[in-house]
Amino acid sequence: MRDYEKTITGDELMALPETELNKKVLETTIFTRMFPDAKLKIINALKAGNQIVAMTGDGVNDGPALKAAHIGIAMGKKGTEIAKEAASLILAEDDLSKMVTAVAMGRKIYTNLKKAIQYIISIHIPIILTVFIPLALGWIYPNIFSPVHIIFLEIIMGPTCSIIYENEPMEQNAMSQRPKALTTTFFNWKELSVSIVQGLVITAGTLFMYQYAVQHNYTETLTRTMTFTVLITANIFLTLINRSFYYSILTTIRYKNNLVLLIICSTIAITGIILYVAPVTRFFGFQHMTMIQLGIATAIGFVSVSWFELVKIFRRIRAR
């Protein structure tokens, strides 16, 4: 065991004054001859130092400490009933390595849920503002999107959130992250601001496409088509780029999640039908685009999202 010479007994620990005790528990590697009061005192000292405390145990004398820890973990086979009742988690197989698996699974679920919510925030901002701004400012085509377009976008975004992000594998650096402080909210301002900025940049891209089409005297239907294409393209690339807020898309593209390819290919296929199958195109109030027009709309959608890769490069450099 590392630093095995840094030990303290239960009696020595109980004799320490509180200020020295709080310092000692952070420096000590092995606590020996511990009794219930001493174990409880260690837990409370660590908590006083704003540490996240986990406690494992199986005996009656572990009960108070298991109850006091932020998460108490009892042995399912050898553990006493008192230990199991005091614990938050019971290891069915008494295998301590399962704790690591549980932490990894918890972090994966937590991270994927945040990715899904951040994606929802980012993609809804341009949808709302692209509908609102032309109407509020009295632009030439105020009703650029109708309810049927919004419904279609929501149908696309639903599977992206619930299927793709739910099945994302754990990131490489997940287990090297420090535990979250108990005072930490689900979203901090930095994370929320990233999603808001992503949404505003996509909005800028869609409105730029709108104004570009107007300046070139395109019809309302063609303007709507190109603006809609920018949103769809941005949605696809946002899905790929936001699979990690740290690693490059070149890394995340190798993550094993077969549903990513399925959902994105389905989105592209359905969008192609809407844009180029005449009856469906007329129903949505769209117009066939030339390849140049399609390329312009796709490029704007890509650029309005891909800038975040530069942010991730900066984060990796700073971390190193």
Protein backbone atom coordinates (compact mmCIF):
# COMPACT_ATOMS: atom_id res chain seq x y z
CA MET A 1 0.00 0.00 0.00
CA ARG A 2 1.28 3.46 -0.84
CA ASP A 3 2.34 5.64 2.11
CA TYR A 4 1.78 2.71 4.48
CA GLU A 5 3.85 4.43 7.13
CA LYS A 6 1.18 7.13 7.53
CA THR A 7 -1.00 5.34 10.07
CA ILE A 8 -3.00 6.25 13.14
CA THR A 9 -4.93 4.20 15.70
CA GLY A 10 -8.44 4.79 16.94
CA ASP A 11 -7.27 5.93 20.39
CA GLU A 12 -4.73 8.35 18.91
CA LEU A 13 -7.37 9.75 16.60
CA MET A 14 -9.88 10.34 19.40
CA ALA A 15 -7.25 12.24 21.41
CA LEU A 16 -6.59 14.80 18.65
CA PRO A 17 -8.14 18.29 18.85
CA GLU A 18 -10.65 19.06 16.11
CA THR A 19 -8.42 21.37 14.03
CA GLU A 20 -5.55 18.88 14.00
CA LEU A 21 -7.95 15.99 13.37
CA ASN A 22 -9.35 17.63 10.22
CA LYS A 23 -5.82 17.95 8.87
CA LYS A 24 -4.70 14.49 9.99
CA VAL A 25 -7.47 12.57 8.23
CA LEU A 26 -6.39 14.05 4.90
CA GLU A 27 -2.78 12.97 5.43
CA THR A 28 -3.31 9.48 6.87
CA THR A 29 -3.35 6.41 4.63
CA ILE A 30 -4.18 3.62 7.13
CA PHE A 31 -6.49 3.86 10.13
CA THR A 32 -6.02 0.92 12.51
CA ARG A 33 -7.92 -0.47 15.51
CA MET A 34 -10.96 1.63 14.70
CA PHE A 35 -14.14 1.47 16.77
CA PRO A 36 -17.56 2.96 15.89
CA ASP A 37 -16.92 6.41 17.45
CA ALA A 38 -13.55 6.72 15.74
CA LYS A 39 -14.97 5.74 12.33
CA LEU A 40 -17.77 8.25 12.71
CA LYS A 41 -15.28 10.95 13.68
CA ILE A 42 -13.25 10.31 10.50
CA ILE A 43 -16.37 10.63 8.36
CA ASN A 44 -17.41 13.90 10.00
CA ALA A 45 -13.89 15.34 9.75
CA LEU A 46 -13.73 14.58 6.03
CA LYS A 47 -17.17 16.10 5.50
CA ALA A 48 -16.08 19.21 7.40
CA GLY A 49 -13.26 19.52 4.87
CA ASN A 50 -15.80 19.55 2.00
CA GLN A 51 -14.80 16.05 0.88
CA ILE A 52 -17.23 13.65 -0.81
CA VAL A 53 -17.16 10.65 1.51
CA ALA A 54 -17.93 7.01 0.68
CA MET A 55 -17.81 4.33 3.36
CA THR A 56 -17.76 0.57 2.91
CA GLY A 57 -18.52 -1.85 5.72
CA ASP A 58 -20.16 -5.10 6.73
CA GLY A 59 -20.32 -5.14 10.53
CA VAL A 60 -22.53 -3.73 13.24
CA ASN A 61 -19.79 -1.30 14.26
CA ASP A 62 -19.78 0.16 10.72
CA GLY A 63 -23.43 1.24 10.96
CA PRO A 64 -22.96 4.83 12.27
CA ALA A 65 -20.24 5.62 9.72
CA LEU A 66 -22.22 4.07 6.86
CA LYS A 67 -25.18 6.24 7.78
CA ALA A 68 -23.12 9.42 8.16
CA ALA A 69 -21.19 9.09 4.87
CA HIS A 70 -22.53 10.69 1.72
CA ILE A 71 -22.84 7.18 0.32
CA GLY A 72 -22.61 4.10 2.50
CA ILE A 73 -21.83 0.80 0.78
CA ALA A 74 -22.56 -2.49 2.56
CA MET A 75 -21.63 -6.05 1.66
CA GLY A 76 -24.64 -8.01 0.46
CA LYS A 77 -23.49 -11.51 1.49
CA LYS A 78 -21.33 -11.02 4.57
CA GLY A 79 -22.88 -7.77 5.71
CA THR A 80 -25.03 -7.60 8.82
CA GLU A 81 -28.61 -6.40 8.63
CA ILE A 82 -27.70 -3.23 10.50
CA ALA A 83 -24.98 -2.41 7.95
CA LYS A 84 -27.37 -3.03 5.05
CA GLU A 85 -30.09 -0.85 6.56
CA ALA A 86 -27.65 2.00 7.20
CA ALA A 87 -26.10 1.87 3.71
CA SER A 88 -27.23 3.63 0.54
CA LEU A 89 -25.92 0.85 -1.70
CA ILE A 90 -25.52 -2.90 -1.18
CA LEU A 91 -22.99 -4.94 -3.17
CA ALA A 92 -24.79 -8.17 -4.00
CA GLU A 93 -21.58 -10.10 -4.72
CA ASP A 94 -19.31 -8.48 -2.08
CA ASP A 95 -17.02 -7.52 -4.96
CA LEU A 96 -15.37 -4.15 -4.31
CA SER A 97 -14.47 -3.73 -7.98
CA LYS A 98 -18.18 -3.35 -8.69
CA MET A 99 -18.01 0.03 -6.94
CA VAL A 100 -15.77 1.29 -9.74
CA THR A 101 -18.24 -0.05 -12.30
CA ALA A 102 -21.10 1.65 -10.50
CA VAL A 103 -19.29 4.99 -10.38
CA ALA A 104 -18.41 4.70 -14.08
CA MET A 105 -22.02 3.91 -14.99
CA GLY A 106 -23.30 6.81 -12.89
CA ARG A 107 -20.88 9.23 -14.50
CA LYS A 108 -21.81 8.02 -17.97
CA ILE A 109 -25.54 8.49 -17.32
CA TYR A 110 -24.94 11.91 -15.75
CA THR A 111 -22.75 13.10 -18.65
CA ASN A 112 -25.06 11.77 -21.37
CA LEU A 113 -28.07 13.42 -19.75
CA LYS A 114 -26.24 16.74 -19.71
CA LYS A 115 -25.26 16.33 -23.37
CA ALA A 116 -28.90 15.71 -24.32
CA ILE A 117 -30.17 18.75 -22.41
CA GLN A 118 -27.42 21.00 -23.76
CA TYR A 119 -28.28 19.83 -27.26
CA ILE A 120 -31.96 20.65 -26.66
CA ILE A 121 -31.08 24.17 -25.48
CA SER A 122 -28.71 24.82 -28.38
CA ILE A 123 -31.05 23.66 -31.15
CA HIS A 124 -34.24 25.26 -29.81
CA ILE A 125 -32.75 28.76 -29.63
CA PRO A 126 -32.38 29.09 -33.46
CA ILE A 127 -35.81 27.56 -34.05
CA ILE A 128 -37.48 30.09 -31.74
CA LEU A 129 -35.50 33.12 -32.93
CA THR A 130 -35.76 32.27 -36.63
CA VAL A 131 -39.54 32.23 -36.28
CA PHE A 132 -39.71 35.27 -33.98
CA ILE A 133 -37.21 37.77 -35.43
CA PRO A 134 -38.57 38.07 -39.02
CA LEU A 135 -42.08 38.43 -37.59
CA ALA A 136 -41.12 40.93 -34.88
CA LEU A 137 -38.94 43.07 -37.17
CA GLY A 138 -41.36 42.99 -40.08
CA TRP A 139 -39.01 41.41 -42.58
CA ILE A 140 -40.19 40.76 -46.12
CA TYR A 141 -41.10 37.12 -45.42
CA PRO A 142 -42.41 37.24 -41.82
CA ASN A 143 -43.88 33.71 -41.75
CA ILE A 144 -40.74 31.91 -42.80
CA PHE A 145 -41.71 28.74 -40.90
CA SER A 146 -45.16 27.30 -40.28
CA PRO A 147 -46.23 24.83 -37.56
CA VAL A 148 -45.61 21.87 -39.89
CA HIS A 149 -41.92 22.81 -40.14
CA ILE A 150 -41.57 23.09 -36.38
CA ILE A 151 -43.29 19.73 -35.90
CA PHE A 152 -40.90 18.11 -38.38
CA LEU A 153 -37.88 19.60 -36.59
CA GLU A 154 -39.19 18.31 -33.26
CA ILE A 155 -39.66 14.83 -34.73
CA ILE A 156 -36.00 14.85 -35.79
CA MET A 157 -34.69 16.22 -32.50
CA GLY A 158 -36.57 13.74 -30.30
CA PRO A 159 -34.70 10.59 -31.40
CA THR A 160 -31.42 12.50 -31.35
CA CYS A 161 -31.82 13.29 -27.66
CA SER A 162 -33.41 10.14 -26.39
CA ILE A 163 -31.71 7.52 -28.55
CA ILE A 164 -28.29 8.80 -29.61
CA TYR A 165 -27.14 10.46 -26.40
CA GLU A 166 -28.69 7.79 -24.19
CA ASN A 167 -26.52 5.16 -25.86
CA GLU A 168 -23.26 7.09 -25.93
CA PRO A 169 -20.31 5.20 -24.40
CA MET A 170 -18.36 6.59 -21.45
CA GLU A 171 -15.68 9.10 -22.43
CA GLN A 172 -12.01 8.31 -21.90
CA ASN A 173 -11.49 10.94 -19.21
CA ALA A 174 -14.71 10.30 -17.28
CA MET A 175 -13.08 8.45 -14.39
CA SER A 176 -10.25 10.97 -14.02
CA GLN A 177 -12.65 13.81 -13.20
CA ARG A 178 -12.87 15.01 -9.60
CA PRO A 179 -16.13 14.30 -7.75
CA LYS A 180 -18.74 17.04 -8.00
CA ALA A 181 -19.11 19.20 -4.90
CA LEU A 182 -22.45 18.75 -3.17
CA THR A 183 -23.23 22.42 -3.77
CA THR A 184 -22.76 22.02 -7.54
CA THR A 185 -25.94 22.45 -9.55
CA PHE A 186 -26.74 20.22 -12.51
CA PHE A 187 -25.71 23.01 -14.88
CA ASN A 188 -23.20 25.69 -14.03
CA TRP A 189 -23.20 29.01 -15.85
CA LYS A 190 -20.19 28.06 -17.99
CA GLU A 191 -21.92 24.97 -19.40
CA LEU A 192 -25.19 26.81 -19.90
CA SER A 193 -23.47 29.72 -21.64
CA VAL A 194 -21.80 27.31 -24.09
CA SER A 195 -25.21 25.97 -25.14
CA ILE A 196 -26.66 29.48 -25.43
CA VAL A 197 -23.73 30.68 -27.57
CA GLN A 198 -24.01 27.59 -29.79
CA GLY A 199 -27.71 28.35 -30.29
CA LEU A 200 -27.09 32.03 -31.04
CA VAL A 201 -24.38 31.24 -33.60
CA ILE A 202 -26.72 28.79 -35.36
CA THR A 203 -29.38 31.51 -35.29
CA ALA A 204 -26.91 33.91 -36.91
CA GLY A 205 -26.29 31.32 -39.63
CA THR A 206 -29.99 30.79 -40.39
CA LEU A 207 -30.74 34.53 -40.44
CA PHE A 208 -27.68 35.14 -42.62
CA MET A 209 -29.06 32.56 -45.05
CA TYR A 210 -32.44 34.32 -44.93
CA GLN A 211 -30.92 37.71 -45.73
CA TYR A 212 -28.63 36.25 -48.40
CA ALA A 213 -31.66 34.79 -50.16
CA VAL A 214 -33.59 38.06 -49.90
CA GLN A 215 -30.65 40.08 -51.25
CA HIS A 216 -30.50 37.77 -54.26
CA ASN A 217 -34.24 38.24 -54.88
CA TYR A 218 -35.12 34.62 -54.18
CA THR A 219 -38.77 33.76 -53.75
CA GLU A 220 -40.30 33.17 -50.33
CA THR A 221 -40.45 29.42 -50.91
CA LEU A 222 -36.79 29.23 -51.94
CA THR A 223 -35.76 31.43 -49.01
CA ARG A 224 -37.70 29.14 -46.67
CA THR A 225 -36.11 26.06 -48.23
CA MET A 226 -32.54 27.32 -47.86
CA THR A 227 -33.11 28.57 -44.31
CA PHE A 228 -34.66 25.24 -43.35
CA THR A 229 -31.72 23.38 -44.91
CA VAL A 230 -29.29 25.42 -42.80
CA LEU A 231 -31.19 24.39 -39.65
CA ILE A 232 -31.25 20.71 -40.60
CA THR A 233 -27.54 20.74 -41.46
CA ALA A 234 -26.68 22.52 -38.22
CA ASN A 235 -28.76 19.97 -36.31
CA ILE A 236 -26.86 17.05 -37.84
CA PHE A 237 -23.41 18.51 -37.16
CA LEU A 238 -24.43 19.71 -33.68
CA THR A 239 -25.42 16.12 -32.87
CA LEU A 240 -21.96 14.91 -33.88
CA ILE A 241 -19.91 17.71 -32.34
CA ASN A 242 -21.75 17.69 -29.00
CA ARG A 243 -21.03 14.00 -28.45
CA SER A 244 -18.10 15.38 -26.47
CA PHE A 245 -17.35 18.83 -25.12
CA TYR A 246 -13.67 17.92 -24.83
CA TYR A 247 -12.62 15.43 -27.51
CA SER A 248 -12.55 16.17 -31.23
CA ILE A 249 -15.21 14.94 -33.62
CA LEU A 250 -12.43 12.86 -35.19
CA THR A 251 -12.23 10.99 -31.88
CA THR A 252 -15.95 10.73 -31.12
CA ILE A 253 -16.76 9.49 -34.62
CA ARG A 254 -15.01 6.25 -33.55
CA TYR A 255 -17.24 5.81 -30.49
CA LYS A 256 -19.30 2.65 -30.72
CA ASN A 257 -22.88 3.85 -31.10
CA ASN A 258 -24.57 2.30 -34.12
CA LEU A 259 -27.65 4.44 -33.62
CA VAL A 260 -25.75 7.60 -34.61
CA LEU A 261 -25.38 6.43 -38.20
CA LEU A 262 -28.98 5.18 -38.30
CA ILE A 263 -30.53 8.40 -37.01
CA ILE A 264 -28.38 10.72 -39.13
CA CYS A 265 -28.87 8.70 -42.31
CA SER A 266 -32.62 8.63 -41.65
CA THR A 267 -32.62 12.40 -41.15
CA ILE A 268 -30.74 12.99 -44.41
CA ALA A 269 -33.02 10.59 -46.32
CA ILE A 270 -36.24 12.16 -45.02
CA THR A 271 -34.90 15.66 -45.67
CA GLY A 272 -33.97 14.64 -49.22
CA ILE A 273 -37.52 13.41 -49.78
CA ILE A 274 -38.96 16.66 -48.45
CA LEU A 275 -36.70 18.79 -50.61
CA TYR A 276 -36.77 16.86 -53.88
CA VAL A 277 -39.98 14.77 -54.08
CA ALA A 278 -42.39 17.22 -55.69
CA PRO A 279 -45.68 16.44 -53.82
CA VAL A 280 -43.95 16.45 -50.45
CA THR A 281 -41.97 19.57 -51.35
CA ARG A 282 -45.18 21.45 -52.21
CA PHE A 283 -46.84 20.29 -48.98
CA PHE A 284 -44.03 21.83 -46.92
CA GLY A 285 -44.02 25.01 -48.99
CA PHE A 286 -40.52 24.40 -50.29
CA GLN A 287 -38.87 24.74 -53.69
CA HIS A 288 -36.23 22.65 -55.42
CA MET A 289 -32.72 24.05 -54.96
CA THR A 290 -29.84 23.92 -57.36
CA MET A 291 -26.71 22.09 -56.23
CA ILE A 292 -24.99 25.44 -55.65
CA GLN A 293 -27.83 26.66 -53.45
CA LEU A 294 -27.83 23.39 -51.56
CA GLY A 295 -24.06 23.64 -51.12
CA ILE A 296 -24.29 27.20 -49.77
CA ALA A 297 -27.01 26.27 -47.24
CA THR A 298 -25.11 23.16 -46.14
CA ALA A 299 -21.84 25.09 -45.76
CA ILE A 300 -23.49 27.78 -43.62
CA GLY A 301 -25.07 25.13 -41.41
CA PHE A 302 -21.71 23.39 -41.00
CA VAL A 303 -19.77 26.58 -40.19
CA SER A 304 -22.37 27.73 -37.65
CA VAL A 305 -21.60 24.63 -35.56
CA SER A 306 -18.04 23.55 -36.40
CA TRP A 307 -16.43 26.58 -34.69
CA PHE A 308 -16.86 24.73 -31.39
CA GLU A 309 -14.11 22.32 -32.45
CA LEU A 310 -11.67 25.21 -31.96
CA VAL A 311 -12.95 25.64 -28.40
CA LYS A 312 -12.35 21.95 -27.74
CA ILE A 313 -8.79 22.22 -29.10
CA PHE A 314 -8.14 25.07 -26.67
CA ARG A 315 -9.56 23.01 -23.79
CA ARG A 316 -7.29 20.05 -24.58
CA ILE A 317 -4.22 22.31 -24.81
CA ARG A 318 -5.07 23.95 -21.49
CA ALA A 319 -5.63 20.57 -19.84
CA ARG A 320 -2.20 19.37 -20.93
